[in-house]
PDB file of N, CA and C in Angstrom:
ATOM      1  N   UNK A   1     136.886  92.305  71.228  1.00  0.00           N
ATOM      2  CA  UNK A   1     135.383  91.943  71.252  1.00  0.00           C
ATOM      3  C   UNK A   1     134.545  92.647  70.013  1.00  0.00           C
ATOM      4  N   UNK A   2     133.966  92.454  69.591  1.00  0.00           N
ATOM      5  CA  UNK A   2     132.654  93.127  68.905  1.00  0.00           C
ATOM      6  C   UNK A   2     131.587  93.255  69.420  1.00  0.00           C
ATOM      7  N   UNK A   3     131.239  94.407  69.505  1.00  0.00           N
ATOM      8  CA  UNK A   3     130.093  94.474  70.047  1.00  0.00           C
ATOM      9  C   UNK A   3     128.418  95.041  68.603  1.00  0.00           C
ATOM     10  N   UNK A   4     127.596  94.355  69.198  1.00  0.00           N
ATOM     11  CA  UNK A   4     126.378  94.031  68.377  1.00  0.00           C
ATOM     12  C   UNK A   4     125.562  95.454  68.199  1.00  0.00           C
ATOM     13  N   UNK A   5     125.427  95.222  67.226  1.00  0.00           N
ATOM     14  CA  UNK A   5     124.586  96.997  67.150  1.00  0.00           C
ATOM     15  C   UNK A   5     123.163  97.198  67.941  1.00  0.00           C
ATOM     16  N   UNK A   6     122.287  97.151  68.615  1.00  0.00           N
ATOM     17  CA  UNK A   6     121.413  97.197  68.712  1.00  0.00           C
ATOM     18  C   UNK A   6     120.380  98.484  68.561  1.00  0.00           C
ATOM     19  N   UNK A   7     118.788  97.719  68.195  1.00  0.00           N
ATOM     20  CA  UNK A   7     117.389  98.834  67.948  1.00  0.00           C
ATOM     21  C   UNK A   7     117.419  99.548  69.374  1.00  0.00           C
ATOM     22  N   UNK A   8     117.546 100.713  69.702  1.00  0.00           N
ATOM     23  CA  UNK A   8     117.224 101.556  70.951  1.00  0.00           C
ATOM     24  C   UNK A   8     116.231 102.012  70.650  1.00  0.00           C
ATOM     25  N   UNK A   9     115.615 101.697  69.914  1.00  0.00           N
ATOM     26  CA  UNK A   9     113.840 102.353  71.086  1.00  0.00           C
ATOM     27  C   UNK A   9     113.416 101.131  70.702  1.00  0.00           C
ATOM     28  N   UNK A  10     113.748  99.633  70.613  1.00  0.00           N
ATOM     29  CA  UNK A  10     113.037  98.013  71.635  1.00  0.00           C
ATOM     30  C   UNK A  10     113.803  97.932  72.636  1.00  0.00           C
ATOM     31  N   UNK A  11     114.639  98.926  72.615  1.00  0.00           N
ATOM     32  CA  UNK A  11     115.090  98.395  74.292  1.00  0.00           C
ATOM     33  C   UNK A  11     114.861  99.541  75.285  1.00  0.00           C
ATOM     34  N   UNK A  12     114.558 100.957  74.838  1.00  0.00           N
ATOM     35  CA  UNK A  12     114.094 101.811  75.905  1.00  0.00           C
ATOM     36  C   UNK A  12     113.099 102.485  75.783  1.00  0.00           C
ATOM     37  N   UNK A  13     111.759 103.542  76.662  1.00  0.00           N
ATOM     38  CA  UNK A  13     111.178 103.879  75.829  1.00  0.00           C
ATOM     39  C   UNK A  13     111.922 105.427  76.869  1.00  0.00           C
ATOM     40  N   UNK A  14     111.347 106.037  76.523  1.00  0.00           N
ATOM     41  CA  UNK A  14     111.341 107.850  77.156  1.00  0.00           C
ATOM     42  C   UNK A  14     110.205 107.286  78.721  1.00  0.00           C
ATOM     43  N   UNK A  15     110.893 107.602  79.711  1.00  0.00           N
ATOM     44  CA  UNK A  15     110.390 107.830  81.570  1.00  0.00           C
ATOM     45  C   UNK A  15     108.665 108.870  81.223  1.00  0.00           C
ATOM     46  N   UNK A  16     108.523 109.024  80.500  1.00  0.00           N
ATOM     47  CA  UNK A  16     107.030 109.878  80.892  1.00  0.00           C
ATOM     48  C   UNK A  16     106.993 110.285  79.439  1.00  0.00           C
ATOM     49  N   UNK A  17     104.984 110.329  79.036  1.00  0.00           N
ATOM     50  CA  UNK A  17     104.604 110.646  77.937  1.00  0.00           C
ATOM     51  C   UNK A  17     104.892 111.961  77.552  1.00  0.00           C
ATOM     52  N   UNK A  18     105.858 111.499  76.048  1.00  0.00           N
ATOM     53  CA  UNK A  18     106.271 113.135  75.757  1.00  0.00           C
ATOM     54  C   UNK A  18     105.918 113.114  73.950  1.00  0.00           C
ATOM     55  N   UNK A  19     105.163 113.900  74.145  1.00  0.00           N
ATOM     56  CA  UNK A  19     104.989 113.860  72.637  1.00  0.00           C
ATOM     57  C   UNK A  19     105.293 114.066  71.370  1.00  0.00           C
ATOM     58  N   UNK A  20     105.160 113.163  70.064  1.00  0.00           N
ATOM     59  CA  UNK A  20     106.229 113.377  69.501  1.00  0.00           C
ATOM     60  C   UNK A  20     107.235 114.958  68.677  1.00  0.00           C
ATOM     61  N   UNK A  21     108.382 115.087  68.983  1.00  0.00           N
ATOM     62  CA  UNK A  21     109.372 116.221  68.929  1.00  0.00           C
ATOM     63  C   UNK A  21     108.531 117.721  69.553  1.00  0.00           C
ATOM     64  N   UNK A  22     108.838 116.707  70.700  1.00  0.00           N
ATOM     65  CA  UNK A  22     108.567 117.689  71.773  1.00  0.00           C
ATOM     66  C   UNK A  22     110.097 118.246  72.000  1.00  0.00           C
ATOM     67  N   UNK A  23     110.765 119.434  72.834  1.00  0.00           N
ATOM     68  CA  UNK A  23     112.200 119.327  73.449  1.00  0.00           C
ATOM     69  C   UNK A  23     112.017 120.839  74.594  1.00  0.00           C
ATOM     70  N   UNK A  24     112.199 120.641  75.580  1.00  0.00           N
ATOM     71  CA  UNK A  24     112.348 121.193  76.382  1.00  0.00           C
ATOM     72  C   UNK A  24     112.387 120.571  77.452  1.00  0.00           C
ATOM     73  N   UNK A  25     111.768 121.315  78.950  1.00  0.00           N
ATOM     74  CA  UNK A  25     111.454 120.822  80.444  1.00  0.00           C
ATOM     75  C   UNK A  25     110.591 119.939  80.392  1.00  0.00           C
ATOM     76  N   UNK A  26     110.510 119.215  81.524  1.00  0.00           N
ATOM     77  CA  UNK A  26     109.193 117.454  81.496  1.00  0.00           C
ATOM     78  C   UNK A  26     109.913 117.711  82.968  1.00  0.00           C
ATOM     79  N   UNK A  27     109.097 117.033  83.519  1.00  0.00           N
ATOM     80  CA  UNK A  27     108.439 116.298  84.948  1.00  0.00           C
ATOM     81  C   UNK A  27     108.146 114.954  84.878  1.00  0.00           C
ATOM     82  N   UNK A  28     108.949 114.116  85.330  1.00  0.00           N
ATOM     83  CA  UNK A  28     109.005 112.820  85.442  1.00  0.00           C
ATOM     84  C   UNK A  28     107.652 112.406  86.877  1.00  0.00           C
ATOM     85  N   UNK A  29     107.478 111.675  86.039  1.00  0.00           N
ATOM     86  CA  UNK A  29     106.346 110.627  87.588  1.00  0.00           C
ATOM     87  C   UNK A  29     106.955 111.134  89.163  1.00  0.00           C
ATOM     88  N   UNK A  30     108.586 110.856  88.394  1.00  0.00           N
ATOM     89  CA  UNK A  30     109.157 110.640  90.775  1.00  0.00           C
ATOM     90  C   UNK A  30     108.744 112.088  90.974  1.00  0.00           C
ATOM     91  N   UNK A  31     108.771 113.251  89.929  1.00  0.00           N
ATOM     92  CA  UNK A  31     108.579 114.656  90.190  1.00  0.00           C
ATOM     93  C   UNK A  31     110.340 115.673  89.589  1.00  0.00           C
ATOM     94  N   UNK A  32     110.664 114.653  89.155  1.00  0.00           N
ATOM     95  CA  UNK A  32     111.480 115.530  89.434  1.00  0.00           C
ATOM     96  C   UNK A  32     112.201 115.896  87.819  1.00  0.00           C
ATOM     97  N   UNK A  33     112.844 116.911  87.778  1.00  0.00           N
ATOM     98  CA  UNK A  33     112.320 117.943  86.585  1.00  0.00           C
ATOM     99  C   UNK A  33     114.062 117.551  85.189  1.00  0.00           C
ATOM    100  N   UNK A  34     114.067 117.477  84.112  1.00  0.00           N
ATOM    101  CA  UNK A  34     114.324 117.231  83.216  1.00  0.00           C
ATOM    102  C   UNK A  34     114.544 118.022  82.025  1.00  0.00           C
ATOM    103  N   UNK A  35     115.405 118.222  80.867  1.00  0.00           N
ATOM    104  CA  UNK A  35     114.933 118.791  79.792  1.00  0.00           C
ATOM    105  C   UNK A  35     115.307 118.279  78.343  1.00  0.00           C
ATOM    106  N   UNK A  36     114.426 116.996  77.949  1.00  0.00           N
ATOM    107  CA  UNK A  36     114.199 116.448  76.344  1.00  0.00           C
ATOM    108  C   UNK A  36     114.140 117.091  75.693  1.00  0.00           C
ATOM    109  N   UNK A  37     115.795 116.915  74.525  1.00  0.00           N
ATOM    110  CA  UNK A  37     115.960 117.344  73.631  1.00  0.00           C
ATOM    111  C   UNK A  37     115.827 115.964  72.150  1.00  0.00           C
ATOM    112  N   UNK A  38     114.918 115.365  72.294  1.00  0.00           N
ATOM    113  CA  UNK A  38     113.765 115.202  71.523  1.00  0.00           C
ATOM    114  C   UNK A  38     115.451 113.240  71.293  1.00  0.00           C
ATOM    115  N   UNK A  39     115.858 113.265  72.216  1.00  0.00           N
ATOM    116  CA  UNK A  39     115.742 112.330  71.998  1.00  0.00           C
ATOM    117  C   UNK A  39     117.161 111.394  73.423  1.00  0.00           C
ATOM    118  N   UNK A  40     117.395 111.731  73.777  1.00  0.00           N
ATOM    119  CA  UNK A  40     117.577 112.153  75.904  1.00  0.00           C
ATOM    120  C   UNK A  40     117.612 112.641  76.387  1.00  0.00           C
ATOM    121  N   UNK A  41     117.263 112.721  78.045  1.00  0.00           N
ATOM    122  CA  UNK A  41     116.894 113.428  78.883  1.00  0.00           C
ATOM    123  C   UNK A  41     118.336 114.336  79.377  1.00  0.00           C
ATOM    124  N   UNK A  42     118.114 115.455  79.876  1.00  0.00           N
ATOM    125  CA  UNK A  42     119.902 116.072  80.224  1.00  0.00           C
ATOM    126  C   UNK A  42     119.448 116.185  81.034  1.00  0.00           C
ATOM    127  N   UNK A  43     120.259 115.901  82.668  1.00  0.00           N
ATOM    128  CA  UNK A  43     119.930 116.447  83.897  1.00  0.00           C
ATOM    129  C   UNK A  43     119.420 114.876  84.825  1.00  0.00           C
ATOM    130  N   UNK A  44     119.392 114.116  84.239  1.00  0.00           N
ATOM    131  CA  UNK A  44     119.296 113.167  85.155  1.00  0.00           C
ATOM    132  C   UNK A  44     120.844 112.098  85.513  1.00  0.00           C
ATOM    133  N   UNK A  45     120.936 111.872  86.592  1.00  0.00           N
ATOM    134  CA  UNK A  45     121.611 111.720  87.281  1.00  0.00           C
ATOM    135  C   UNK A  45     120.934 110.237  88.393  1.00  0.00           C
ATOM    136  N   UNK A  46     122.152 109.435  88.390  1.00  0.00           N
ATOM    137  CA  UNK A  46     122.118 108.265  89.585  1.00  0.00           C
ATOM    138  C   UNK A  46     122.061 108.418  91.122  1.00  0.00           C
ATOM    139  N   UNK A  47     121.116 108.331  91.829  1.00  0.00           N
ATOM    140  CA  UNK A  47     121.016 108.659  92.803  1.00  0.00           C
ATOM    141  C   UNK A  47     120.919 107.538  93.608  1.00  0.00           C
ATOM    142  N   UNK A  48     121.951 106.478  94.374  1.00  0.00           N
ATOM    143  CA  UNK A  48     121.599 105.426  95.088  1.00  0.00           C
ATOM    144  C   UNK A  48     120.381 105.277  95.901  1.00  0.00           C
ATOM    145  N   UNK A  49     120.162 104.024  96.023  1.00  0.00           N
ATOM    146  CA  UNK A  49     118.926 103.685  96.723  1.00  0.00           C
ATOM    147  C   UNK A  49     119.082 103.055  97.993  1.00  0.00           C
ATOM    148  N   UNK A  50     118.784 104.007  99.142  1.00  0.00           N
ATOM    149  CA  UNK A  50     120.099 103.628 100.457  1.00  0.00           C
ATOM    150  C   UNK A  50     119.022 103.625 101.442  1.00  0.00           C
ATOM    151  N   UNK A  51     119.393 102.421 101.951  1.00  0.00           N
ATOM    152  CA  UNK A  51     118.536 100.887 102.791  1.00  0.00           C
ATOM    153  C   UNK A  51     119.205 101.872 104.334  1.00  0.00           C
ATOM    154  N   UNK A  52     117.780 102.066 105.290  1.00  0.00           N
ATOM    155  CA  UNK A  52     118.103 101.797 106.368  1.00  0.00           C
ATOM    156  C   UNK A  52     118.952 101.048 107.166  1.00  0.00           C
ATOM    157  N   UNK A  53     118.707  99.332 106.996  1.00  0.00           N
ATOM    158  CA  UNK A  53     119.483  99.441 107.489  1.00  0.00           C
ATOM    159  C   UNK A  53     121.726  98.910 106.967  1.00  0.00           C
ATOM    160  N   UNK A  54     121.565  98.491 107.981  1.00  0.00           N
ATOM    161  CA  UNK A  54     123.873  98.732 107.748  1.00  0.00           C
ATOM    162  C   UNK A  54     123.981  97.280 107.476  1.00  0.00           C
ATOM    163  N   UNK A  55     124.871  96.864 106.864  1.00  0.00           N
ATOM    164  CA  UNK A  55     125.442  96.262 106.381  1.00  0.00           C
ATOM    165  C   UNK A  55     126.721  95.607 106.990  1.00  0.00           C
ATOM    166  N   UNK A  56     126.960  94.460 107.689  1.00  0.00           N
ATOM    167  CA  UNK A  56     127.877  93.313 107.797  1.00  0.00           C
ATOM    168  C   UNK A  56     128.503  95.000 108.503  1.00  0.00           C
ATOM    169  N   UNK A  57     129.375  95.459 107.245  1.00  0.00           N
ATOM    170  CA  UNK A  57     130.322  95.698 106.815  1.00  0.00           C
ATOM    171  C   UNK A  57     131.150  96.099 107.639  1.00  0.00           C
ATOM    172  N   UNK A  58     129.702  97.969 107.474  1.00  0.00           N
ATOM    173  CA  UNK A  58     129.653  99.148 107.946  1.00  0.00           C
ATOM    174  C   UNK A  58     128.971  99.249 109.746  1.00  0.00           C
ATOM    175  N   UNK A  59     128.695  98.363 109.847  1.00  0.00           N
ATOM    176  CA  UNK A  59     128.206  97.340 111.421  1.00  0.00           C
ATOM    177  C   UNK A  59     129.390  97.254 112.027  1.00  0.00           C
ATOM    178  N   UNK A  60     129.905  96.409 111.177  1.00  0.00           N
ATOM    179  CA  UNK A  60     132.238  96.631 111.526  1.00  0.00           C
ATOM    180  C   UNK A  60     132.706  98.085 111.940  1.00  0.00           C
ATOM    181  N   UNK A  61     133.070  98.887 110.392  1.00  0.00           N
ATOM    182  CA  UNK A  61     133.535  99.735 110.555  1.00  0.00           C
ATOM    183  C   UNK A  61     132.976 100.755 111.253  1.00  0.00           C
ATOM    184  N   UNK A  62     131.742 101.242 111.895  1.00  0.00           N
ATOM    185  CA  UNK A  62     131.805 102.106 113.084  1.00  0.00           C
ATOM    186  C   UNK A  62     131.931 101.338 113.656  1.00  0.00           C
ATOM    187  N   UNK A  63     131.298 100.338 114.588  1.00  0.00           N
ATOM    188  CA  UNK A  63     131.748  99.559 115.823  1.00  0.00           C
ATOM    189  C   UNK A  63     133.620 100.018 116.267  1.00  0.00           C
ATOM    190  N   UNK A  64     134.449 100.095 115.202  1.00  0.00           N
ATOM    191  CA  UNK A  64     135.742 100.063 115.102  1.00  0.00           C
ATOM    192  C   UNK A  64     135.981 101.432 115.807  1.00  0.00           C
ATOM    193  N   UNK A  65     135.807 102.420 114.074  1.00  0.00           N
ATOM    194  CA  UNK A  65     135.494 103.775 114.547  1.00  0.00           C
ATOM    195  C   UNK A  65     135.429 104.981 115.714  1.00  0.00           C
ATOM    196  N   UNK A  66     134.605 104.384 116.133  1.00  0.00           N
ATOM    197  CA  UNK A  66     133.673 104.786 117.629  1.00  0.00           C
ATOM    198  C   UNK A  66     134.307 103.912 119.099  1.00  0.00           C
ATOM    199  N   UNK A  67     135.153 102.354 118.509  1.00  0.00           N
ATOM    200  CA  UNK A  67     135.761 102.097 120.068  1.00  0.00           C
ATOM    201  C   UNK A  67     136.477 102.906 121.232  1.00  0.00           C
ATOM    202  N   UNK A  68     136.212 102.871 122.543  1.00  0.00           N
ATOM    203  CA  UNK A  68     136.916 104.327 122.635  1.00  0.00           C
ATOM    204  C   UNK A  68     137.711 103.310 123.425  1.00  0.00           C
TER     205      UNK A  68
END
């Protein structure tokens, strides 16, 4: 499989207004603090959104585990 080169600047912008050439800690609009290297943010990690509603699989598993 051959991957085509892409222009990263056209795809994504930094998540906050960062002055050109700045390197150091920044606070994202969400309140999280990361370290900006000039190209990427260090300290970002994926945090899945958790919904309050349980899926049918979760409900089934809970019923099976709590069965007396």
